[in-house]
Amino acid sequence: MTFPEQMTFAGWGLTALGLFYSIYRNHLSDARMKKAEAKIQDMESRGEGPYLVPAAESVGQVYEQDGTHLCFWNVMNGNVLSVSRDKVSDTVQDGNPVVLILENQGSNARRIGVTTDLKECILRQEPPIDGANNLIILKYTYQSDRAGKPCIVKLSFESHSGFQGEHVYETIHGFRAFRRIKPA
């Protein structure tokens, strides 16, 4: 191989190496960009969405409205979990409702959907009436065979700005526990 052929071959080799290096750097840059976008979406999800925690204030009752039917749950009931009670009473039987009183420390949502394996689980905010404290209740059916076991509750929501997200919480069946695990 002559010197000019060697130079041409070296030039092609350097060009190929430069091309492979550029592709590699683009791949790394894309990976960093996707990671940054996921982090921004995670931050937006935390900032735009509700952040539910067990209610810290002591109340006498919490109100629930189902259509036109209005009722209240007294915190002295053995199935109401509040600051006054961390675990359902031993007298609560299978099929009875468990009411966990929560408060929202995040943003309000336009819509919230609940997905969980808790039986007949609903999430309701207190109606705007005199005596209500703007609290939220998570109500589900008590199952003694699941008592004390962790349960996952997924909340899908749409914020007032139109952001749609999902938060994942963990609760303990029959206990006053409700902790967001995703986003952490």
C-alpha atoms as a PDB file:
ATOM      1  CA  MET A   1       0.000   0.000   0.000  1.00  0.00           C
ATOM      2  CA  THR A   2       1.425   3.358  -0.994  1.00  0.00           C
ATOM      3  CA  PHE A   3       1.700   6.331   1.266  1.00  0.00           C
ATOM      4  CA  PRO A   4      -1.261   8.205  -0.337  1.00  0.00           C
ATOM      5  CA  GLU A   5      -3.376   5.031   0.009  1.00  0.00           C
ATOM      6  CA  GLN A   6      -2.312   4.733   3.644  1.00  0.00           C
ATOM      7  CA  MET A   7      -3.276   8.372   4.251  1.00  0.00           C
ATOM      8  CA  THR A   8      -6.665   7.836   2.579  1.00  0.00           C
ATOM      9  CA  PHE A   9      -7.235   4.713   4.663  1.00  0.00           C
ATOM     10  CA  ALA A  10      -6.231   6.584   7.854  1.00  0.00           C
ATOM     11  CA  GLY A  11      -8.580   9.433   6.920  1.00  0.00           C
ATOM     12  CA  TRP A  12     -11.468   7.022   6.419  1.00  0.00           C
ATOM     13  CA  GLY A  13     -10.612   5.321   9.693  1.00  0.00           C
ATOM     14  CA  LEU A  14     -10.551   8.613  11.608  1.00  0.00           C
ATOM     15  CA  THR A  15     -13.825   9.644   9.961  1.00  0.00           C
ATOM     16  CA  ALA A  16     -15.428   6.341  10.971  1.00  0.00           C
ATOM     17  CA  LEU A  17     -14.120   6.702  14.548  1.00  0.00           C
ATOM     18  CA  GLY A  18     -15.451  10.275  14.671  1.00  0.00           C
ATOM     19  CA  LEU A  19     -18.833   9.074  13.429  1.00  0.00           C
ATOM     20  CA  PHE A  20     -19.019   6.273  16.003  1.00  0.00           C
ATOM     21  CA  TYR A  21     -17.944   8.682  18.754  1.00  0.00           C
ATOM     22  CA  SER A  22     -20.671  11.167  17.692  1.00  0.00           C
ATOM     23  CA  ILE A  23     -23.296   8.398  17.728  1.00  0.00           C
ATOM     24  CA  TYR A  24     -22.126   7.301  21.179  1.00  0.00           C
ATOM     25  CA  ARG A  25     -22.245  10.885  22.528  1.00  0.00           C
ATOM     26  CA  ASN A  26     -25.744  11.362  21.047  1.00  0.00           C
ATOM     27  CA  HIS A  27     -26.847   8.151  22.750  1.00  0.00           C
ATOM     28  CA  LEU A  28     -25.497   9.384  26.090  1.00  0.00           C
ATOM     29  CA  SER A  29     -27.070  12.788  25.560  1.00  0.00           C
ATOM     30  CA  ASP A  30     -30.451  11.199  24.744  1.00  0.00           C
ATOM     31  CA  ALA A  31     -30.238   9.038  27.858  1.00  0.00           C
ATOM     32  CA  ARG A  32     -29.450  12.110  30.002  1.00  0.00           C
ATOM     33  CA  MET A  33     -32.303  14.031  28.374  1.00  0.00           C
ATOM     34  CA  LYS A  34     -34.803  11.227  29.048  1.00  0.00           C
ATOM     35  CA  LYS A  35     -33.635  11.017  32.660  1.00  0.00           C
ATOM     36  CA  ALA A  36     -33.996  14.798  33.070  1.00  0.00           C
ATOM     37  CA  GLU A  37     -37.477  14.741  31.495  1.00  0.00           C
ATOM     38  CA  ALA A  38     -38.548  11.929  33.831  1.00  0.00           C
ATOM     39  CA  LYS A  39     -37.223  13.909  36.800  1.00  0.00           C
ATOM     40  CA  ILE A  40     -39.120  17.025  35.689  1.00  0.00           C
ATOM     41  CA  GLN A  41     -42.310  15.003  35.207  1.00  0.00           C
ATOM     42  CA  ASP A  42     -41.828  13.468  38.655  1.00  0.00           C
ATOM     43  CA  MET A  43     -41.381  16.949  40.181  1.00  0.00           C
ATOM     44  CA  GLU A  44     -44.420  18.243  38.288  1.00  0.00           C
ATOM     45  CA  SER A  45     -46.455  15.275  39.506  1.00  0.00           C
ATOM     46  CA  ARG A  46     -45.502  16.048  43.099  1.00  0.00           C
ATOM     47  CA  GLY A  47     -46.223  19.749  42.716  1.00  0.00           C
ATOM     48  CA  GLU A  48     -49.446  19.513  40.710  1.00  0.00           C
ATOM     49  CA  GLY A  49     -51.115  16.656  42.527  1.00  0.00           C
ATOM     50  CA  PRO A  50     -52.740  15.998  45.859  1.00  0.00           C
ATOM     51  CA  TYR A  51     -50.625  14.788  48.752  1.00  0.00           C
ATOM     52  CA  LEU A  52     -52.819  12.806  51.123  1.00  0.00           C
ATOM     53  CA  VAL A  53     -51.760  12.036  54.687  1.00  0.00           C
ATOM     54  CA  PRO A  54     -53.619  10.868  57.806  1.00  0.00           C
ATOM     55  CA  ALA A  55     -55.391  13.906  59.268  1.00  0.00           C
ATOM     56  CA  ALA A  56     -53.407  15.459  62.095  1.00  0.00           C
ATOM     57  CA  GLU A  57     -56.224  17.467  63.662  1.00  0.00           C
ATOM     58  CA  SER A  58     -58.646  16.073  66.167  1.00  0.00           C
ATOM     59  CA  VAL A  59     -62.270  16.241  65.033  1.00  0.00           C
ATOM     60  CA  GLY A  60     -65.495  14.877  66.505  1.00  0.00           C
ATOM     61  CA  GLN A  61     -66.905  13.596  63.228  1.00  0.00           C
ATOM     62  CA  VAL A  62     -66.362  13.611  59.498  1.00  0.00           C
ATOM     63  CA  TYR A  63     -69.149  14.068  56.965  1.00  0.00           C
ATOM     64  CA  GLU A  64     -69.820  11.963  53.879  1.00  0.00           C
ATOM     65  CA  GLN A  65     -72.197  12.825  51.085  1.00  0.00           C
ATOM     66  CA  ASP A  66     -73.345  10.229  48.561  1.00  0.00           C
ATOM     67  CA  GLY A  67     -75.563  12.012  46.051  1.00  0.00           C
ATOM     68  CA  THR A  68     -78.303  13.600  48.160  1.00  0.00           C
ATOM     69  CA  HIS A  69     -77.677  11.335  51.181  1.00  0.00           C
ATOM     70  CA  LEU A  70     -75.641  13.029  53.932  1.00  0.00           C
ATOM     71  CA  CYS A  71     -74.242  11.139  56.914  1.00  0.00           C
ATOM     72  CA  PHE A  72     -71.445  11.566  59.424  1.00  0.00           C
ATOM     73  CA  TRP A  73     -68.939   9.246  61.005  1.00  0.00           C
ATOM     74  CA  ASN A  74     -68.243   9.811  64.696  1.00  0.00           C
ATOM     75  CA  VAL A  75     -64.578   9.304  65.589  1.00  0.00           C
ATOM     76  CA  MET A  76     -65.623   7.321  68.644  1.00  0.00           C
ATOM     77  CA  ASN A  77     -66.886   4.514  66.370  1.00  0.00           C
ATOM     78  CA  GLY A  78     -64.545   1.531  66.360  1.00  0.00           C
ATOM     79  CA  ASN A  79     -64.293   1.565  62.576  1.00  0.00           C
ATOM     80  CA  VAL A  80     -63.189   5.233  62.209  1.00  0.00           C
ATOM     81  CA  LEU A  81     -59.427   5.735  62.065  1.00  0.00           C
ATOM     82  CA  SER A  82     -58.318   9.178  63.228  1.00  0.00           C
ATOM     83  CA  VAL A  83     -55.982  10.878  65.687  1.00  0.00           C
ATOM     84  CA  SER A  84     -58.114   9.179  68.361  1.00  0.00           C
ATOM     85  CA  ARG A  85     -57.772   5.629  66.964  1.00  0.00           C
ATOM     86  CA  ASP A  86     -54.815   3.991  65.152  1.00  0.00           C
ATOM     87  CA  LYS A  87     -56.400   0.549  64.683  1.00  0.00           C
ATOM     88  CA  VAL A  88     -59.965  -0.610  64.145  1.00  0.00           C
ATOM     89  CA  SER A  89     -61.667  -1.986  67.226  1.00  0.00           C
ATOM     90  CA  ASP A  90     -61.705  -5.748  67.803  1.00  0.00           C
ATOM     91  CA  THR A  91     -65.502  -5.559  67.582  1.00  0.00           C
ATOM     92  CA  VAL A  92     -65.443  -4.518  63.898  1.00  0.00           C
ATOM     93  CA  GLN A  93     -66.747  -7.441  61.843  1.00  0.00           C
ATOM     94  CA  ASP A  94     -66.110  -8.510  58.275  1.00  0.00           C
ATOM     95  CA  GLY A  95     -68.172  -6.471  55.830  1.00  0.00           C
ATOM     96  CA  ASN A  96     -68.306  -3.344  58.009  1.00  0.00           C
ATOM     97  CA  PRO A  97     -66.887  -0.145  56.530  1.00  0.00           C
ATOM     98  CA  VAL A  98     -63.519   1.202  57.658  1.00  0.00           C
ATOM     99  CA  VAL A  99     -63.209   4.990  57.488  1.00  0.00           C
ATOM    100  CA  LEU A 100     -59.699   6.479  57.363  1.00  0.00           C
ATOM    101  CA  ILE A 101     -59.680  10.274  57.818  1.00  0.00           C
ATOM    102  CA  LEU A 102     -57.154  12.019  55.570  1.00  0.00           C
ATOM    103  CA  GLU A 103     -56.147  15.557  54.724  1.00  0.00           C
ATOM    104  CA  ASN A 104     -54.681  16.978  51.521  1.00  0.00           C
ATOM    105  CA  GLN A 105     -51.371  18.786  51.979  1.00  0.00           C
ATOM    106  CA  GLY A 106     -50.875  19.191  48.223  1.00  0.00           C
ATOM    107  CA  SER A 107     -52.818  20.730  45.364  1.00  0.00           C
ATOM    108  CA  ASN A 108     -56.487  20.128  44.775  1.00  0.00           C
ATOM    109  CA  ALA A 109     -57.419  17.966  41.810  1.00  0.00           C
ATOM    110  CA  ARG A 110     -60.251  18.311  39.343  1.00  0.00           C
ATOM    111  CA  ARG A 111     -60.747  14.538  39.216  1.00  0.00           C
ATOM    112  CA  ILE A 112     -59.368  11.616  41.211  1.00  0.00           C
ATOM    113  CA  GLY A 113     -59.706   7.917  40.429  1.00  0.00           C
ATOM    114  CA  VAL A 114     -58.880   5.106  42.856  1.00  0.00           C
ATOM    115  CA  THR A 115     -57.452   1.717  41.910  1.00  0.00           C
ATOM    116  CA  THR A 116     -56.821  -0.769  44.711  1.00  0.00           C
ATOM    117  CA  ASP A 117     -57.521  -4.285  45.852  1.00  0.00           C
ATOM    118  CA  LEU A 118     -59.285  -2.955  48.972  1.00  0.00           C
ATOM    119  CA  LYS A 119     -62.894  -4.102  48.755  1.00  0.00           C
ATOM    120  CA  GLU A 120     -65.468  -1.404  47.857  1.00  0.00           C
ATOM    121  CA  CYS A 121     -62.915   1.372  48.295  1.00  0.00           C
ATOM    122  CA  ILE A 122     -63.969   4.983  47.732  1.00  0.00           C
ATOM    123  CA  LEU A 123     -62.348   8.345  48.326  1.00  0.00           C
ATOM    124  CA  ARG A 124     -64.599  11.285  49.226  1.00  0.00           C
ATOM    125  CA  GLN A 125     -64.086  14.845  50.352  1.00  0.00           C
ATOM    126  CA  GLU A 126     -66.313  16.305  53.013  1.00  0.00           C
ATOM    127  CA  PRO A 127     -69.121  18.405  51.553  1.00  0.00           C
ATOM    128  CA  PRO A 128     -68.949  22.190  52.073  1.00  0.00           C
ATOM    129  CA  ILE A 129     -71.351  22.384  55.015  1.00  0.00           C
ATOM    130  CA  ASP A 130     -71.229  23.972  58.475  1.00  0.00           C
ATOM    131  CA  GLY A 131     -69.185  21.832  60.840  1.00  0.00           C
ATOM    132  CA  ALA A 132     -67.158  20.130  58.090  1.00  0.00           C
ATOM    133  CA  ASN A 133     -63.372  20.492  58.125  1.00  0.00           C
ATOM    134  CA  ASN A 134     -62.618  19.950  54.417  1.00  0.00           C
ATOM    135  CA  LEU A 135     -61.196  16.522  55.240  1.00  0.00           C
ATOM    136  CA  ILE A 136     -61.116  13.457  53.018  1.00  0.00           C
ATOM    137  CA  ILE A 137     -62.201   9.937  53.844  1.00  0.00           C
ATOM    138  CA  LEU A 138     -60.942   6.690  52.413  1.00  0.00           C
ATOM    139  CA  LYS A 139     -63.672   4.130  53.023  1.00  0.00           C
ATOM    140  CA  TYR A 140     -63.388   0.403  52.360  1.00  0.00           C
ATOM    141  CA  THR A 141     -64.894  -2.853  53.549  1.00  0.00           C
ATOM    142  CA  TYR A 142     -63.179  -4.550  56.483  1.00  0.00           C
ATOM    143  CA  GLN A 143     -61.774  -8.048  55.864  1.00  0.00           C
ATOM    144  CA  SER A 144     -60.316  -9.651  58.989  1.00  0.00           C
ATOM    145  CA  ASP A 145     -58.074 -11.980  56.976  1.00  0.00           C
ATOM    146  CA  ARG A 146     -56.323  -8.898  55.485  1.00  0.00           C
ATOM    147  CA  ALA A 147     -56.040  -6.955  58.775  1.00  0.00           C
ATOM    148  CA  GLY A 148     -52.535  -5.655  59.383  1.00  0.00           C
ATOM    149  CA  LYS A 149     -51.379  -6.377  55.824  1.00  0.00           C
ATOM    150  CA  PRO A 150     -50.067  -3.677  53.472  1.00  0.00           C
ATOM    151  CA  CYS A 151     -52.324  -2.594  50.606  1.00  0.00           C
ATOM    152  CA  ILE A 152     -51.519  -0.433  47.593  1.00  0.00           C
ATOM    153  CA  VAL A 153     -53.819   2.434  46.615  1.00  0.00           C
ATOM    154  CA  LYS A 154     -53.230   4.129  43.259  1.00  0.00           C
ATOM    155  CA  LEU A 155     -54.690   7.585  42.774  1.00  0.00           C
ATOM    156  CA  SER A 156     -54.907   8.856  39.218  1.00  0.00           C
ATOM    157  CA  PHE A 157     -55.721  12.555  39.044  1.00  0.00           C
ATOM    158  CA  GLU A 158     -56.135  15.551  36.810  1.00  0.00           C
ATOM    159  CA  SER A 159     -55.004  18.889  38.213  1.00  0.00           C
ATOM    160  CA  HIS A 160     -56.754  22.189  37.556  1.00  0.00           C
ATOM    161  CA  SER A 161     -53.998  23.024  35.034  1.00  0.00           C
ATOM    162  CA  GLY A 162     -54.805  19.831  33.102  1.00  0.00           C
ATOM    163  CA  PHE A 163     -51.774  17.821  34.271  1.00  0.00           C
ATOM    164  CA  GLN A 164     -52.585  14.123  34.548  1.00  0.00           C
ATOM    165  CA  GLY A 165     -50.627  11.899  36.883  1.00  0.00           C
ATOM    166  CA  GLU A 166     -50.707   8.954  39.226  1.00  0.00           C
ATOM    167  CA  HIS A 167     -49.539   8.652  42.802  1.00  0.00           C
ATOM    168  CA  VAL A 168     -49.127   5.367  44.620  1.00  0.00           C
ATOM    169  CA  TYR A 169     -49.833   5.084  48.345  1.00  0.00           C
ATOM    170  CA  GLU A 170     -49.444   2.272  50.838  1.00  0.00           C
ATOM    171  CA  THR A 171     -51.881   1.687  53.664  1.00  0.00           C
ATOM    172  CA  ILE A 172     -52.219  -1.058  56.251  1.00  0.00           C
ATOM    173  CA  HIS A 173     -55.628  -2.769  56.279  1.00  0.00           C
ATOM    174  CA  GLY A 174     -57.500  -1.723  59.409  1.00  0.00           C
ATOM    175  CA  PHE A 175     -54.813   0.709  60.598  1.00  0.00           C
ATOM    176  CA  ARG A 176     -54.367   4.491  60.485  1.00  0.00           C
ATOM    177  CA  ALA A 177     -51.622   4.390  57.902  1.00  0.00           C
ATOM    178  CA  PHE A 178     -51.427   6.115  54.529  1.00  0.00           C
ATOM    179  CA  ARG A 179     -48.039   6.914  52.967  1.00  0.00           C
ATOM    180  CA  ARG A 180     -47.169   7.996  49.430  1.00  0.00           C
ATOM    181  CA  ILE A 181     -44.509   5.709  47.977  1.00  0.00           C
ATOM    182  CA  LYS A 182     -44.449   6.947  44.372  1.00  0.00           C
ATOM    183  CA  PRO A 183     -43.335   9.598  43.741  1.00  0.00           C
ATOM    184  CA  ALA A 184     -41.422   9.405  47.008  1.00  0.00           C
END
